[in-house]
Amino acid sequence: MLLVCCILSFADLPILSDSPFMKYISEIDSIRAFACLMVMWDHLYSRFFLRIGDRELFTGGFIGVDVFFVLSGFLISSLLFQEKERSGRIRYGKFYVRRALRLLPPIFTVVPLVLLPLIYYFDGAAVTILNYFYLVTYTTVLPKFLEVTHRFPNPYWFPHAWSLSIEEAFYLVFPFLVGQIQNLKRFSWSLLFFFFLNACMMPYVLHKYQGGAYHNPFWHFSQIGMGVWLAILVRSRSETNHQTTSGWYRRYTYLFFAALAYVFAMFSFATPGEQTRWFFMGGAPLLTLSILVVLYGVVTGFLVPGVLKSKTLRFIGKISYGLYLFHLPVYRLSERFLERSGMSPPAGSFLWLFVDIANVAIVFLLAILSWFLIERRILNYKERVWASAK
């Protein structure tokens, strides 16, 4: 019932921008930064220092991935809807080229030139080839979701690429779906049904797939779908020139800060497994809706926290793809190095804090170099090609 009320409360929310998805929204980079930093935090070795008694705090950094999914659904669908409105069709080839130019360069440059030789040194050719195969084919979600079956070898070095697998599947299918949509309102109701269906299935998925339940691709497709739903809502409200009142401003402000508080609570206490079954009993769907509420305020300009205007956060958001892609292999390479050299700190030692500081510094260095030397140059080329083809 709470989930239904949250969804229905969106129906009369105001739109302040005539077309917020037609322009660059810099605060979205700051949201990306928060999402990426949460995931990086979740994999730190010294995270265990923060606890109350026997309970660890801030165990929910993994929810940064949920933010990424909703954000991707909103951004990609907004661009596709805009293109279909302007030209009457979707240029599939151009869309896939743009996605490839954004995602593939670091995978085919930094990873093989910097990370793979080190992985080969510690684990040999077979493991290196297997992990890189998972990465470049976007199939890491299979061993992660089906890990309880032990049918697939473990993707030890790039396990976090499971989320990239799901997003890539979305990129492959969704443009064709947009090209066939005739009634956006009916399609939006289909997205809601798919979301609630997956929400109801989460307890069963936890029971059947145990540790792999969080990596359920159908649930995360429904999260991406809710991002698409938000794009449709923003679009429809701007087209109808929905009028706002002080009452709606006040109600949405309450909803916005309640959503922020819930996201922070999830970051503080949630874990993606049996330890917090409530996450699969309504906690995750409510998290998705909370992300929608916050994202709505930002993309419409209705309620934008001042911290999102930080230039530092915006820059971190710009390099977030490299940070996300490189962080876990760097963490694990340092662990292997310390083990092999006999310098690994004892479990629970505060020395792990210094290891993490060094790891994060290396990850940022790699991501910054990747951004300035590779990614940004290719993005600039992509925009020139895109502009010339209009």
Protein backbone atom coordinates (compact mmCIF):
# COMPACT_ATOMS: atom_id res chain seq x y z
CA MET A 1 0.00 0.00 0.00
CA LEU A 2 2.85 2.38 0.82
CA LEU A 3 4.41 1.72 -2.59
CA VAL A 4 1.10 2.45 -4.34
CA CYS A 5 0.68 5.72 -2.44
CA CYS A 6 4.19 6.83 -3.38
CA ILE A 7 3.52 6.13 -7.06
CA LEU A 8 0.17 7.91 -7.09
CA SER A 9 1.64 10.92 -5.32
CA PHE A 10 3.65 11.64 -8.47
CA ALA A 11 0.50 12.23 -10.49
CA ASP A 12 0.09 15.86 -9.44
CA LEU A 13 3.70 16.87 -8.95
CA PRO A 14 4.67 20.08 -10.75
CA ILE A 15 7.05 20.57 -13.62
CA LEU A 16 9.10 23.75 -13.51
CA SER A 17 11.09 23.29 -16.69
CA ASP A 18 9.52 23.32 -20.15
CA SER A 19 11.72 20.43 -21.23
CA PRO A 20 14.33 19.42 -18.67
CA PHE A 21 15.62 16.47 -20.63
CA MET A 22 16.57 18.60 -23.65
CA LYS A 23 19.45 20.29 -21.88
CA TYR A 24 22.49 19.23 -19.91
CA ILE A 25 21.70 19.04 -16.19
CA SER A 26 25.03 19.37 -14.39
CA GLU A 27 23.59 18.26 -11.04
CA ILE A 28 23.09 14.80 -12.50
CA ASP A 29 26.88 14.46 -12.59
CA SER A 30 26.87 15.09 -8.84
CA ILE A 31 24.28 12.34 -8.36
CA ARG A 32 26.53 10.03 -10.38
CA ALA A 33 29.40 11.00 -8.09
CA PHE A 34 27.46 10.08 -4.95
CA ALA A 35 26.38 6.78 -6.50
CA CYS A 36 29.92 5.88 -7.56
CA LEU A 37 31.47 6.88 -4.23
CA MET A 38 28.95 4.73 -2.39
CA VAL A 39 29.95 1.69 -4.44
CA MET A 40 33.65 2.41 -3.95
CA TRP A 41 33.03 2.75 -0.22
CA ASP A 42 31.22 -0.58 -0.16
CA HIS A 43 34.36 -2.41 -1.32
CA LEU A 44 36.87 -0.76 1.03
CA TYR A 45 38.82 -3.07 3.34
CA SER A 46 38.74 -0.66 6.30
CA ARG A 47 34.98 -0.15 6.25
CA PHE A 48 34.60 -2.41 9.30
CA PHE A 49 35.95 0.32 11.61
CA LEU A 50 32.59 2.09 11.64
CA ARG A 51 30.27 0.09 13.86
CA ILE A 52 27.97 0.24 16.85
CA GLY A 53 28.77 -2.73 19.04
CA ASP A 54 28.84 -5.75 16.75
CA ARG A 55 26.93 -4.06 13.96
CA GLU A 56 28.72 -2.46 11.05
CA LEU A 57 27.51 0.91 9.85
CA PHE A 58 27.20 2.18 6.29
CA THR A 59 26.95 -1.31 4.80
CA GLY A 60 24.63 -0.23 1.99
CA GLY A 61 27.05 1.32 -0.45
CA PHE A 62 25.82 -1.17 -3.03
CA ILE A 63 22.65 0.94 -3.47
CA GLY A 64 24.74 3.29 -5.60
CA VAL A 65 24.11 0.76 -8.36
CA ASP A 66 20.36 1.18 -7.91
CA VAL A 67 20.83 4.92 -8.40
CA PHE A 68 22.76 4.26 -11.61
CA PHE A 69 19.98 2.04 -12.98
CA VAL A 70 17.20 4.55 -12.40
CA LEU A 71 19.35 7.38 -13.74
CA SER A 72 20.25 5.45 -16.89
CA GLY A 73 16.61 4.67 -17.60
CA PHE A 74 15.68 8.33 -17.27
CA LEU A 75 18.53 9.76 -19.35
CA ILE A 76 18.56 7.26 -22.21
CA SER A 77 14.79 7.23 -22.62
CA SER A 78 14.65 11.03 -22.53
CA LEU A 79 17.17 11.23 -25.36
CA LEU A 80 15.34 8.59 -27.41
CA PHE A 81 11.93 10.20 -26.89
CA GLN A 82 13.39 13.54 -27.91
CA GLU A 83 14.92 12.08 -31.06
CA LYS A 84 11.70 10.34 -32.05
CA GLU A 85 9.76 13.57 -31.56
CA ARG A 86 12.20 15.61 -33.65
CA SER A 87 12.82 13.23 -36.53
CA GLY A 88 9.89 10.83 -36.32
CA ARG A 89 12.20 7.82 -35.94
CA ILE A 90 15.08 6.37 -33.96
CA ARG A 91 18.46 6.22 -35.68
CA TYR A 92 19.56 2.92 -34.22
CA GLY A 93 23.01 2.85 -35.74
CA LYS A 94 23.89 6.28 -34.43
CA PHE A 95 22.59 5.38 -30.96
CA TYR A 96 24.74 2.25 -30.74
CA VAL A 97 27.82 4.04 -32.04
CA ARG A 98 27.38 6.72 -29.39
CA ARG A 99 27.02 4.13 -26.63
CA ALA A 100 30.05 2.21 -27.88
CA LEU A 101 32.18 5.35 -28.00
CA ARG A 102 31.20 6.11 -24.40
CA LEU A 103 31.63 2.67 -22.85
CA LEU A 104 34.25 0.75 -24.79
CA PRO A 105 37.38 2.98 -24.92
CA PRO A 106 38.49 2.40 -21.28
CA ILE A 107 37.73 -1.31 -21.61
CA PHE A 108 39.96 -1.60 -24.68
CA THR A 109 42.74 0.72 -23.49
CA VAL A 110 43.26 1.16 -19.75
CA VAL A 111 42.09 -2.32 -18.78
CA PRO A 112 44.34 -4.32 -21.17
CA LEU A 113 47.31 -1.94 -20.94
CA VAL A 114 47.37 -1.40 -17.17
CA LEU A 115 45.22 -3.92 -15.31
CA LEU A 116 45.38 -7.14 -17.32
CA PRO A 117 49.18 -7.52 -17.18
CA LEU A 118 49.03 -7.26 -13.40
CA ILE A 119 46.14 -9.72 -13.21
CA TYR A 120 48.11 -12.10 -15.43
CA TYR A 121 51.10 -11.78 -13.08
CA PHE A 122 49.05 -12.86 -10.07
CA ASP A 123 46.56 -15.32 -11.58
CA GLY A 124 47.86 -16.52 -14.94
CA ALA A 125 46.48 -16.51 -18.46
CA ALA A 126 43.33 -18.61 -17.96
CA VAL A 127 41.85 -16.44 -15.21
CA THR A 128 42.86 -13.23 -17.00
CA ILE A 129 41.23 -14.27 -20.26
CA LEU A 130 38.08 -15.47 -18.49
CA ASN A 131 37.61 -12.25 -16.54
CA TYR A 132 38.28 -10.08 -19.55
CA PHE A 133 35.88 -12.19 -21.63
CA TYR A 134 33.12 -11.59 -19.09
CA LEU A 135 33.88 -7.87 -19.19
CA VAL A 136 33.99 -7.31 -22.96
CA THR A 137 30.97 -9.53 -23.68
CA TYR A 138 28.88 -8.00 -20.89
CA THR A 139 28.00 -11.41 -19.45
CA THR A 140 29.21 -10.96 -15.85
CA VAL A 141 25.61 -10.93 -14.65
CA LEU A 142 25.29 -14.66 -15.38
CA PRO A 143 27.82 -15.95 -12.83
CA LYS A 144 26.72 -13.31 -10.31
CA PHE A 145 22.99 -14.01 -10.47
CA LEU A 146 23.42 -17.78 -10.78
CA GLU A 147 26.30 -18.13 -8.33
CA VAL A 148 24.29 -20.53 -6.14
CA THR A 149 24.22 -23.00 -9.07
CA HIS A 150 28.04 -22.94 -9.51
CA ARG A 151 27.56 -23.26 -13.26
CA PHE A 152 29.89 -20.42 -14.15
CA PRO A 153 33.45 -19.65 -12.99
CA ASN A 154 33.71 -16.74 -10.58
CA PRO A 155 34.51 -13.32 -12.16
CA TYR A 156 36.90 -12.43 -9.36
CA TRP A 157 38.55 -9.36 -10.89
CA PHE A 158 35.54 -7.59 -12.43
CA PRO A 159 32.50 -8.88 -10.51
CA HIS A 160 30.99 -5.39 -10.37
CA ALA A 161 30.64 -5.45 -14.17
CA TRP A 162 27.35 -7.35 -13.68
CA SER A 163 25.61 -3.95 -13.60
CA LEU A 164 27.21 -3.00 -16.92
CA SER A 165 25.82 -6.25 -18.35
CA ILE A 166 22.28 -5.25 -17.40
CA GLU A 167 22.64 -1.72 -18.74
CA GLU A 168 24.07 -3.01 -22.01
CA ALA A 169 21.07 -5.32 -22.44
CA PHE A 170 18.84 -2.30 -21.89
CA TYR A 171 20.76 -0.33 -24.53
CA LEU A 172 20.39 -3.17 -27.02
CA VAL A 173 16.64 -3.64 -26.66
CA PHE A 174 15.10 -0.35 -25.58
CA PRO A 175 15.70 1.76 -28.73
CA PHE A 176 13.70 -0.76 -30.78
CA LEU A 177 10.97 -0.68 -28.15
CA VAL A 178 10.78 3.13 -28.30
CA GLY A 179 10.54 2.92 -32.07
CA GLN A 180 7.40 0.79 -31.74
CA ILE A 181 5.64 2.70 -28.94
CA GLN A 182 2.37 4.27 -30.09
CA ASN A 183 0.81 5.19 -26.74
CA LEU A 184 3.13 6.49 -24.01
CA LYS A 185 0.43 6.44 -21.35
CA ARG A 186 -0.30 2.77 -21.92
CA PHE A 187 3.41 2.02 -22.00
CA SER A 188 3.91 3.83 -18.67
CA TRP A 189 1.27 1.65 -17.06
CA SER A 190 3.08 -1.42 -18.41
CA LEU A 191 6.27 -0.21 -16.75
CA LEU A 192 4.45 0.18 -13.42
CA PHE A 193 3.00 -3.32 -13.71
CA PHE A 194 6.43 -4.78 -14.49
CA PHE A 195 7.91 -2.98 -11.48
CA PHE A 196 5.27 -4.19 -9.04
CA LEU A 197 5.41 -7.72 -10.44
CA ASN A 198 9.16 -7.87 -9.83
CA ALA A 199 8.72 -6.32 -6.38
CA CYS A 200 6.29 -9.10 -5.46
CA MET A 201 8.69 -11.74 -6.79
CA MET A 202 11.69 -10.56 -4.72
CA PRO A 203 11.10 -12.85 -1.67
CA TYR A 204 10.90 -15.88 -3.97
CA VAL A 205 14.05 -14.83 -5.83
CA LEU A 206 15.88 -14.46 -2.49
CA HIS A 207 14.79 -17.96 -1.46
CA LYS A 208 15.80 -19.54 -4.78
CA TYR A 209 19.01 -17.67 -5.62
CA GLN A 210 20.22 -16.67 -2.15
CA GLY A 211 23.42 -14.64 -2.45
CA GLY A 212 22.78 -13.96 -6.13
CA ALA A 213 19.31 -12.54 -5.53
CA TYR A 214 20.40 -8.92 -5.57
CA HIS A 215 21.84 -9.40 -9.05
CA ASN A 216 18.46 -10.45 -10.45
CA PRO A 217 18.45 -8.83 -13.91
CA PHE A 218 14.66 -8.67 -14.13
CA TRP A 219 14.44 -6.61 -10.94
CA HIS A 220 17.06 -4.18 -12.18
CA PHE A 221 15.37 -3.98 -15.59
CA SER A 222 12.28 -2.85 -13.69
CA GLN A 223 14.37 -0.20 -11.91
CA ILE A 224 15.59 1.06 -15.28
CA GLY A 225 11.96 0.95 -16.38
CA MET A 226 11.02 3.24 -13.51
CA GLY A 227 13.61 5.70 -14.76
CA VAL A 228 11.86 5.51 -18.14
CA TRP A 229 8.54 6.02 -16.37
CA LEU A 230 9.89 9.18 -14.75
CA ALA A 231 10.99 10.48 -18.15
CA ILE A 232 7.47 9.92 -19.47
CA LEU A 233 5.99 11.68 -16.44
CA VAL A 234 8.27 14.70 -16.84
CA ARG A 235 7.46 14.83 -20.52
CA SER A 236 3.70 14.58 -20.09
CA ARG A 237 3.61 17.19 -17.33
CA SER A 238 5.59 19.69 -19.41
CA GLU A 239 3.32 19.13 -22.42
CA THR A 240 0.17 19.79 -20.39
CA ASN A 241 1.73 22.88 -18.74
CA HIS A 242 0.71 21.57 -15.33
CA GLN A 243 0.02 24.40 -12.87
CA THR A 244 1.59 24.38 -9.43
CA THR A 245 0.37 25.55 -6.05
CA SER A 246 2.07 26.31 -2.78
CA GLY A 247 0.37 23.23 -1.35
CA TRP A 248 2.09 20.95 -3.85
CA TYR A 249 5.44 22.62 -3.24
CA ARG A 250 5.08 21.98 0.46
CA ARG A 251 3.95 18.37 0.06
CA TYR A 252 6.70 17.56 -2.40
CA THR A 253 9.31 19.11 -0.11
CA TYR A 254 8.19 16.79 2.69
CA LEU A 255 8.28 13.86 0.28
CA PHE A 256 11.71 14.84 -1.00
CA PHE A 257 13.35 14.94 2.42
CA ALA A 258 11.59 11.76 3.51
CA ALA A 259 13.02 10.06 0.40
CA LEU A 260 16.50 11.39 1.16
CA ALA A 261 16.24 10.11 4.73
CA TYR A 262 15.20 6.68 3.51
CA VAL A 263 18.08 6.49 1.02
CA PHE A 264 20.50 7.42 3.81
CA ALA A 265 18.97 4.78 6.10
CA MET A 266 19.45 2.16 3.39
CA PHE A 267 23.04 3.25 2.93
CA SER A 268 23.57 3.00 6.69
CA PHE A 269 22.03 -0.39 7.44
CA ALA A 270 21.12 -2.44 4.36
CA THR A 271 22.97 -5.49 3.06
CA PRO A 272 22.06 -7.30 -0.19
CA GLY A 273 21.44 -10.75 1.30
CA GLU A 274 19.82 -12.88 3.95
CA GLN A 275 21.12 -10.60 6.73
CA THR A 276 18.49 -8.00 5.90
CA ARG A 277 15.55 -9.89 4.44
CA TRP A 278 13.45 -6.74 4.74
CA PHE A 279 15.42 -5.36 1.79
CA PHE A 280 13.66 -7.96 -0.37
CA MET A 281 10.31 -7.57 1.42
CA GLY A 282 9.60 -4.05 0.23
CA GLY A 283 12.78 -2.24 1.16
CA ALA A 284 14.27 -2.32 -2.35
CA PRO A 285 11.11 -1.19 -4.18
CA LEU A 286 10.69 1.68 -1.72
CA LEU A 287 14.34 2.60 -2.31
CA THR A 288 13.68 2.80 -6.05
CA LEU A 289 10.70 5.09 -5.49
CA SER A 290 12.76 7.25 -3.14
CA ILE A 291 15.42 7.63 -5.81
CA LEU A 292 12.68 8.67 -8.24
CA VAL A 293 11.42 11.33 -5.84
CA VAL A 294 14.89 12.83 -5.40
CA LEU A 295 15.71 12.63 -9.10
CA TYR A 296 12.44 14.35 -9.96
CA GLY A 297 13.35 17.35 -7.83
CA VAL A 298 16.76 17.64 -9.47
CA VAL A 299 15.81 17.23 -13.14
CA THR A 300 12.90 19.67 -12.87
CA GLY A 301 14.92 22.18 -10.87
CA PHE A 302 12.19 22.20 -8.24
CA LEU A 303 14.38 21.16 -5.33
CA VAL A 304 18.14 20.88 -5.86
CA PRO A 305 20.32 20.46 -2.75
CA GLY A 306 23.17 22.95 -2.75
CA VAL A 307 25.77 20.19 -2.43
CA LEU A 308 24.89 19.02 -5.95
CA LYS A 309 26.22 22.30 -7.32
CA SER A 310 29.73 21.44 -6.11
CA LYS A 311 32.27 21.58 -8.96
CA THR A 312 34.27 18.82 -7.28
CA LEU A 313 31.27 16.48 -7.23
CA ARG A 314 30.45 17.33 -10.83
CA PHE A 315 33.96 16.41 -11.90
CA ILE A 316 33.82 13.15 -9.95
CA GLY A 317 30.56 12.44 -11.75
CA LYS A 318 32.23 13.00 -15.11
CA ILE A 319 34.96 10.46 -14.33
CA SER A 320 32.59 8.09 -12.49
CA TYR A 321 32.63 5.48 -15.25
CA GLY A 322 36.38 5.05 -14.93
CA LEU A 323 36.18 5.09 -11.12
CA TYR A 324 33.54 2.39 -11.19
CA LEU A 325 35.30 0.26 -13.77
CA PHE A 326 38.79 0.40 -12.24
CA HIS A 327 38.21 0.49 -8.49
CA LEU A 328 37.62 -3.16 -7.62
CA PRO A 329 40.50 -4.66 -9.67
CA VAL A 330 42.83 -2.04 -8.16
CA TYR A 331 41.65 -2.92 -4.64
CA ARG A 332 42.18 -6.62 -5.26
CA LEU A 333 45.52 -6.17 -6.96
CA SER A 334 46.84 -4.34 -3.90
CA GLU A 335 45.54 -7.11 -1.67
CA ARG A 336 47.30 -9.75 -3.77
CA PHE A 337 50.49 -7.71 -3.77
CA LEU A 338 50.49 -7.41 0.02
CA GLU A 339 49.77 -11.11 0.44
CA ARG A 340 52.53 -12.18 -1.91
CA SER A 341 55.06 -9.79 -0.37
CA GLY A 342 54.19 -10.85 3.16
CA MET A 343 53.16 -7.31 4.14
CA SER A 344 49.41 -7.88 4.44
CA PRO A 345 48.07 -6.25 7.65
CA PRO A 346 46.28 -8.53 10.14
CA ALA A 347 42.50 -8.73 9.89
CA GLY A 348 40.96 -5.80 11.73
CA SER A 349 44.16 -3.77 11.72
CA PHE A 350 43.88 0.01 11.28
CA LEU A 351 46.65 -0.33 8.69
CA TRP A 352 43.97 -1.30 6.18
CA LEU A 353 42.88 2.33 6.30
CA PHE A 354 46.20 3.36 4.73
CA VAL A 355 45.86 0.60 2.15
CA ASP A 356 42.44 1.97 1.20
CA ILE A 357 43.72 5.54 0.97
CA ALA A 358 46.44 4.40 -1.42
CA ASN A 359 43.96 2.33 -3.43
CA VAL A 360 41.50 5.20 -3.82
CA ALA A 361 44.32 7.54 -4.87
CA ILE A 362 45.42 5.07 -7.57
CA VAL A 363 41.85 4.61 -8.79
CA PHE A 364 41.34 8.37 -9.06
CA LEU A 365 44.64 8.74 -10.90
CA LEU A 366 43.69 6.06 -13.43
CA ALA A 367 40.21 7.50 -13.90
CA ILE A 368 41.50 11.05 -14.38
CA LEU A 369 44.10 9.95 -16.90
CA SER A 370 41.50 7.86 -18.71
CA TRP A 371 39.12 10.82 -18.81
CA PHE A 372 41.54 13.41 -20.13
CA LEU A 373 43.63 11.23 -22.43
CA ILE A 374 40.94 8.93 -23.81
CA GLU A 375 37.31 9.40 -22.83
CA ARG A 376 36.94 13.16 -23.18
CA ARG A 377 38.71 13.24 -26.54
CA ILE A 378 36.45 10.51 -27.89
CA LEU A 379 33.36 12.21 -26.47
CA ASN A 380 34.34 15.45 -28.21
CA TYR A 381 34.79 13.51 -31.45
CA LYS A 382 31.43 11.85 -30.91
CA GLU A 383 29.67 15.19 -30.46
CA ARG A 384 31.27 16.59 -33.63
CA VAL A 385 30.12 13.56 -35.61
CA TRP A 386 26.66 13.79 -34.07
CA ALA A 387 26.35 17.49 -34.87
CA SER A 388 27.51 17.06 -38.46
CA ALA A 389 24.95 14.32 -39.07
CA LYS A 390 21.96 16.36 -37.90
